PDB file of N, CA and C in Angstrom:
ATOM      1  N   LYS A   1     104.445 127.409 100.397  1.00  0.00           N
ATOM      2  CA  LYS A   1     103.847 126.751 101.079  1.00  0.00           C
ATOM      3  C   LYS A   1     102.822 127.395 100.072  1.00  0.00           C
ATOM      4  N   ASP A   2     101.798 126.324  99.311  1.00  0.00           N
ATOM      5  CA  ASP A   2     100.464 126.257  98.873  1.00  0.00           C
ATOM      6  C   ASP A   2      99.293 126.684  99.817  1.00  0.00           C
ATOM      7  N   PRO A   3      98.643 127.499 100.290  1.00  0.00           N
ATOM      8  CA  PRO A   3      97.350 127.981 100.998  1.00  0.00           C
ATOM      9  C   PRO A   3      96.382 126.771 100.718  1.00  0.00           C
ATOM     10  N   ASN A   4      96.145 126.603  98.844  1.00  0.00           N
ATOM     11  CA  ASN A   4      95.289 126.280  98.452  1.00  0.00           C
ATOM     12  C   ASN A   4      95.323 125.059  98.704  1.00  0.00           C
ATOM     13  N   ALA A   5      96.279 124.416  98.687  1.00  0.00           N
ATOM     14  CA  ALA A   5      97.394 122.669  98.645  1.00  0.00           C
ATOM     15  C   ALA A   5      95.927 121.865  99.382  1.00  0.00           C
ATOM     16  N   ILE A   6      95.631 121.924 100.422  1.00  0.00           N
ATOM     17  CA  ILE A   6      94.432 121.143 100.880  1.00  0.00           C
ATOM     18  C   ILE A   6      93.395 120.981  99.942  1.00  0.00           C
ATOM     19  N   SER A   7      92.716 122.481  99.740  1.00  0.00           N
ATOM     20  CA  SER A   7      91.330 122.292  99.109  1.00  0.00           C
ATOM     21  C   SER A   7      91.715 121.490  97.540  1.00  0.00           C
ATOM     22  N   LYS A   8      93.007 121.507  97.412  1.00  0.00           N
ATOM     23  CA  LYS A   8      93.138 121.028  96.066  1.00  0.00           C
ATOM     24  C   LYS A   8      93.473 119.448  95.432  1.00  0.00           C
ATOM     25  N   PHE A   9      93.674 119.151  96.872  1.00  0.00           N
ATOM     26  CA  PHE A   9      94.272 117.387  96.692  1.00  0.00           C
ATOM     27  C   PHE A   9      92.949 116.799  96.698  1.00  0.00           C
ATOM     28  N   SER A  10      93.357 115.685  95.630  1.00  0.00           N
ATOM     29  CA  SER A  10      92.074 114.690  95.393  1.00  0.00           C
ATOM     30  C   SER A  10      92.544 113.868  96.122  1.00  0.00           C
ATOM     31  N   PHE A  11      91.451 113.114  97.009  1.00  0.00           N
ATOM     32  CA  PHE A  11      92.093 111.228  97.804  1.00  0.00           C
ATOM     33  C   PHE A  11      91.881 110.484  96.315  1.00  0.00           C
ATOM     34  N   LEU A  12      90.968 110.537  95.528  1.00  0.00           N
ATOM     35  CA  LEU A  12      91.024 109.350  94.442  1.00  0.00           C
ATOM     36  C   LEU A  12      92.323 109.091  93.418  1.00  0.00           C
ATOM     37  N   GLU A  13      92.564 110.662  93.253  1.00  0.00           N
ATOM     38  CA  GLU A  13      94.070 110.764  92.071  1.00  0.00           C
ATOM     39  C   GLU A  13      94.969 110.199  93.546  1.00  0.00           C
ATOM     40  N   CYS A  14      95.353 110.307  94.564  1.00  0.00           N
ATOM     41  CA  CYS A  14      96.465 110.038  95.320  1.00  0.00           C
ATOM     42  C   CYS A  14      95.863 108.623  95.365  1.00  0.00           C
ATOM     43  N   PHE A  15      94.943 107.939  95.733  1.00  0.00           N
ATOM     44  CA  PHE A  15      94.661 106.516  95.698  1.00  0.00           C
ATOM     45  C   PHE A  15      94.987 105.670  94.499  1.00  0.00           C
ATOM     46  N   HIS A  16      94.928 106.327  93.534  1.00  0.00           N
ATOM     47  CA  HIS A  16      95.394 105.999  91.919  1.00  0.00           C
ATOM     48  C   HIS A  16      96.863 105.809  91.763  1.00  0.00           C
ATOM     49  N   ALA A  17      97.642 107.066  92.524  1.00  0.00           N
ATOM     50  CA  ALA A  17      98.918 106.434  92.361  1.00  0.00           C
ATOM     51  C   ALA A  17      99.277 105.452  93.109  1.00  0.00           C
ATOM     52  N   LEU A  18      98.653 105.696  94.240  1.00  0.00           N
ATOM     53  CA  LEU A  18      99.309 105.060  95.056  1.00  0.00           C
ATOM     54  C   LEU A  18      99.482 103.400  94.840  1.00  0.00           C
ATOM     55  N   SER A  19      98.386 103.125  94.284  1.00  0.00           N
ATOM     56  CA  SER A  19      97.896 101.774  93.539  1.00  0.00           C
ATOM     57  C   SER A  19      99.018 101.484  92.122  1.00  0.00           C
ATOM     58  N   GLN A  20      98.858 102.566  91.355  1.00  0.00           N
ATOM     59  CA  GLN A  20      99.937 102.319  90.114  1.00  0.00           C
ATOM     60  C   GLN A  20     101.371 101.922  90.813  1.00  0.00           C
ATOM     61  N   MET A  21     101.827 103.018  91.703  1.00  0.00           N
ATOM     62  CA  MET A  21     103.101 102.426  92.897  1.00  0.00           C
ATOM     63  C   MET A  21     103.300 100.689  93.084  1.00  0.00           C
ATOM     64  N   GLN A  22     102.385 100.698  93.432  1.00  0.00           N
ATOM     65  CA  GLN A  22     102.262  99.146  94.295  1.00  0.00           C
ATOM     66  C   GLN A  22     101.939  98.312  92.944  1.00  0.00           C
ATOM     67  N   ASN A  23     100.829  98.737  91.679  1.00  0.00           N
ATOM     68  CA  ASN A  23     101.613  97.754  90.832  1.00  0.00           C
ATOM     69  C   ASN A  23     102.775  97.356  90.294  1.00  0.00           C
ATOM     70  N   ASP A  24     103.697  98.806  90.043  1.00  0.00           N
ATOM     71  CA  ASP A  24     104.900  99.069  89.949  1.00  0.00           C
ATOM     72  C   ASP A  24     106.057  97.753  90.194  1.00  0.00           C
ATOM     73  N   LEU A  25     105.551  98.208  91.864  1.00  0.00           N
ATOM     74  CA  LEU A  25     106.572  97.108  92.663  1.00  0.00           C
ATOM     75  C   LEU A  25     106.322  95.945  92.851  1.00  0.00           C
ATOM     76  N   HIS A  26     105.138  95.604  92.254  1.00  0.00           N
ATOM     77  CA  HIS A  26     104.794  93.879  92.114  1.00  0.00           C
ATOM     78  C   HIS A  26     105.410  93.336  90.765  1.00  0.00           C
ATOM     79  N   HIS A  27     105.336  94.005  89.975  1.00  0.00           N
ATOM     80  CA  HIS A  27     105.882  93.664  88.775  1.00  0.00           C
ATOM     81  C   HIS A  27     107.537  93.682  88.812  1.00  0.00           C
ATOM     82  N   PHE A  28     108.155  94.766  89.566  1.00  0.00           N
ATOM     83  CA  PHE A  28     109.527  94.807  89.283  1.00  0.00           C
ATOM     84  C   PHE A  28     110.236  93.797  90.563  1.00  0.00           C
ATOM     85  N   LEU A  29     109.523  93.198  91.549  1.00  0.00           N
ATOM     86  CA  LEU A  29     110.116  92.666  92.697  1.00  0.00           C
ATOM     87  C   LEU A  29     109.250  91.530  92.815  1.00  0.00           C
ATOM     88  N   GLY A  30     108.174  91.140  92.248  1.00  0.00           N
ATOM     89  CA  GLY A  30     107.955  90.142  92.453  1.00  0.00           C
ATOM     90  C   GLY A  30     106.620  89.321  93.014  1.00  0.00           C
ATOM     91  N   GLU A  31     106.550  88.556  93.364  1.00  0.00           N
ATOM     92  CA  GLU A  31     105.711  88.027  95.017  1.00  0.00           C
ATOM     93  C   GLU A  31     106.337  88.348  96.020  1.00  0.00           C
ATOM     94  N   LEU A  32     106.226  88.964  97.190  1.00  0.00           N
ATOM     95  CA  LEU A  32     106.656  88.679  98.109  1.00  0.00           C
ATOM     96  C   LEU A  32     106.689  88.073  99.325  1.00  0.00           C
ATOM     97  N   PRO A  33     107.274  87.527  99.733  1.00  0.00           N
ATOM     98  CA  PRO A  33     106.988  86.259 100.295  1.00  0.00           C
ATOM     99  C   PRO A  33     105.991  86.768 101.543  1.00  0.00           C
ATOM    100  N   LYS A  34     105.048  85.985 102.292  1.00  0.00           N
ATOM    101  CA  LYS A  34     104.248  86.452 102.895  1.00  0.00           C
ATOM    102  C   LYS A  34     104.966  86.007 104.339  1.00  0.00           C
ATOM    103  N   ILE A  35     105.020  86.820 105.372  1.00  0.00           N
ATOM    104  CA  ILE A  35     105.882  86.699 106.964  1.00  0.00           C
ATOM    105  C   ILE A  35     104.564  86.471 107.334  1.00  0.00           C
ATOM    106  N   GLU A  36     104.958  85.372 108.436  1.00  0.00           N
ATOM    107  CA  GLU A  36     103.770  84.819 109.676  1.00  0.00           C
ATOM    108  C   GLU A  36     104.270  84.859 110.857  1.00  0.00           C
ATOM    109  N   ARG A  37     103.587  86.082 111.951  1.00  0.00           N
ATOM    110  CA  ARG A  37     104.251  85.426 113.368  1.00  0.00           C
ATOM    111  C   ARG A  37     103.416  84.935 114.013  1.00  0.00           C
ATOM    112  N   SER A  38     103.871  83.974 114.956  1.00  0.00           N
ATOM    113  CA  SER A  38     103.147  83.561 116.291  1.00  0.00           C
ATOM    114  C   SER A  38     102.399  84.650 117.147  1.00  0.00           C
ATOM    115  N   PRO A  39     101.249  84.310 117.454  1.00  0.00           N
ATOM    116  CA  PRO A  39     100.407  85.117 118.410  1.00  0.00           C
ATOM    117  C   PRO A  39     100.862  85.923 119.732  1.00  0.00           C
ATOM    118  N   GLU A  40     102.880  84.877 120.179  1.00  0.00           N
ATOM    119  CA  GLU A  40     103.599  85.471 121.362  1.00  0.00           C
ATOM    120  C   GLU A  40     104.543  86.576 120.472  1.00  0.00           C
ATOM    121  N   ALA A  41     104.554  86.034 119.445  1.00  0.00           N
ATOM    122  CA  ALA A  41     105.633  86.989 118.996  1.00  0.00           C
ATOM    123  C   ALA A  41     104.954  88.669 118.607  1.00  0.00           C
ATOM    124  N   VAL A  42     103.818  88.344 118.017  1.00  0.00           N
ATOM    125  CA  VAL A  42     103.091  89.717 118.093  1.00  0.00           C
ATOM    126  C   VAL A  42     102.561  90.475 119.421  1.00  0.00           C
ATOM    127  N   ASN A  43     102.144  89.517 120.404  1.00  0.00           N
ATOM    128  CA  ASN A  43     102.353  90.452 121.813  1.00  0.00           C
ATOM    129  C   ASN A  43     103.578  90.981 122.342  1.00  0.00           C
ATOM    130  N   ARG A  44     104.535  90.398 122.115  1.00  0.00           N
ATOM    131  CA  ARG A  44     106.403  90.774 122.245  1.00  0.00           C
ATOM    132  C   ARG A  44     105.907  92.356 121.942  1.00  0.00           C
ATOM    133  N   ALA A  45     105.956  92.149 120.162  1.00  0.00           N
ATOM    134  CA  ALA A  45     106.201  93.337 119.576  1.00  0.00           C
ATOM    135  C   ALA A  45     105.518  94.679 119.870  1.00  0.00           C
ATOM    136  N   ARG A  46     103.828  94.185 120.227  1.00  0.00           N
ATOM    137  CA  ARG A  46     102.916  95.377 120.544  1.00  0.00           C
ATOM    138  C   ARG A  46     103.763  95.678 122.083  1.00  0.00           C
ATOM    139  N   GLU A  47     103.962  94.420 122.868  1.00  0.00           N
ATOM    140  CA  GLU A  47     104.252  95.285 123.967  1.00  0.00           C
ATOM    141  C   GLU A  47     105.998  96.404 124.195  1.00  0.00           C
ATOM    142  N   ARG A  48     106.280  95.785 123.082  1.00  0.00           N
ATOM    143  CA  ARG A  48     108.192  96.931 122.962  1.00  0.00           C
ATOM    144  C   ARG A  48     107.508  98.177 122.651  1.00  0.00           C
ATOM    145  N   ALA A  49     106.616  98.129 121.463  1.00  0.00           N
ATOM    146  CA  ALA A  49     106.058  99.319 120.747  1.00  0.00           C
ATOM    147  C   ALA A  49     105.730 100.259 121.664  1.00  0.00           C
ATOM    148  N   LEU A  50     104.161  99.529 122.755  1.00  0.00           N
ATOM    149  CA  LEU A  50     103.523 100.509 123.925  1.00  0.00           C
ATOM    150  C   LEU A  50     104.928 100.953 124.786  1.00  0.00           C
ATOM    151  N   LYS A  51     105.726 100.291 124.959  1.00  0.00           N
ATOM    152  CA  LYS A  51     106.969 100.744 126.131  1.00  0.00           C
ATOM    153  C   LYS A  51     107.731 101.537 125.217  1.00  0.00           C
ATOM    154  N   LYS A  52     108.033 102.103 124.394  1.00  0.00           N
ATOM    155  CA  LYS A  52     108.565 103.038 123.471  1.00  0.00           C
ATOM    156  C   LYS A  52     107.817 103.754 123.068  1.00  0.00           C
ATOM    157  N   GLY A  53     106.634 103.858 123.391  1.00  0.00           N
ATOM    158  CA  GLY A  53     106.036 105.041 122.970  1.00  0.00           C
ATOM    159  C   GLY A  53     105.933 105.657 124.507  1.00  0.00           C
ATOM    160  N   SER A  54     105.864 104.711 125.240  1.00  0.00           N
ATOM    161  CA  SER A  54     105.593 105.449 127.058  1.00  0.00           C
ATOM    162  C   SER A  54     107.430 105.819 127.331  1.00  0.00           C
ATOM    163  N   GLY A  55     108.305 105.756 126.492  1.00  0.00           N
ATOM    164  CA  GLY A  55     109.670 105.953 126.654  1.00  0.00           C
ATOM    165  C   GLY A  55     110.465 105.447 127.759  1.00  0.00           C
ATOM    166  N   GLU A  56     109.715 103.944 128.350  1.00  0.00           N
ATOM    167  CA  GLU A  56     110.370 103.413 128.887  1.00  0.00           C
ATOM    168  C   GLU A  56     111.598 102.553 127.967  1.00  0.00           C
ATOM    169  N   ASP A  57     112.598 102.161 128.990  1.00  0.00           N
ATOM    170  CA  ASP A  57     113.539 101.289 127.699  1.00  0.00           C
ATOM    171  C   ASP A  57     113.383 100.237 127.410  1.00  0.00           C
ATOM    172  N   VAL A  58     113.263  99.829 126.310  1.00  0.00           N
ATOM    173  CA  VAL A  58     112.911  98.398 125.682  1.00  0.00           C
ATOM    174  C   VAL A  58     113.676  97.459 125.718  1.00  0.00           C
ATOM    175  N   HIS A  59     114.947  97.807 126.271  1.00  0.00           N
ATOM    176  CA  HIS A  59     116.069  96.983 126.129  1.00  0.00           C
ATOM    177  C   HIS A  59     116.255  96.032 127.474  1.00  0.00           C
TER     178      HIS A  59
END
């Protein structure tokens, strides 16, 4: 491992690379469909995630 890797890290370069990847994906995949969920579905998903994080059986 490079001990100076963190000091060499550039958020601006990282952001630029991620932005370019996003543009490339949009170019090749086209517009992705918008996924809309009901408030109830969002709440159920949130509850499942919280239970999973606490180690409870989610099924």
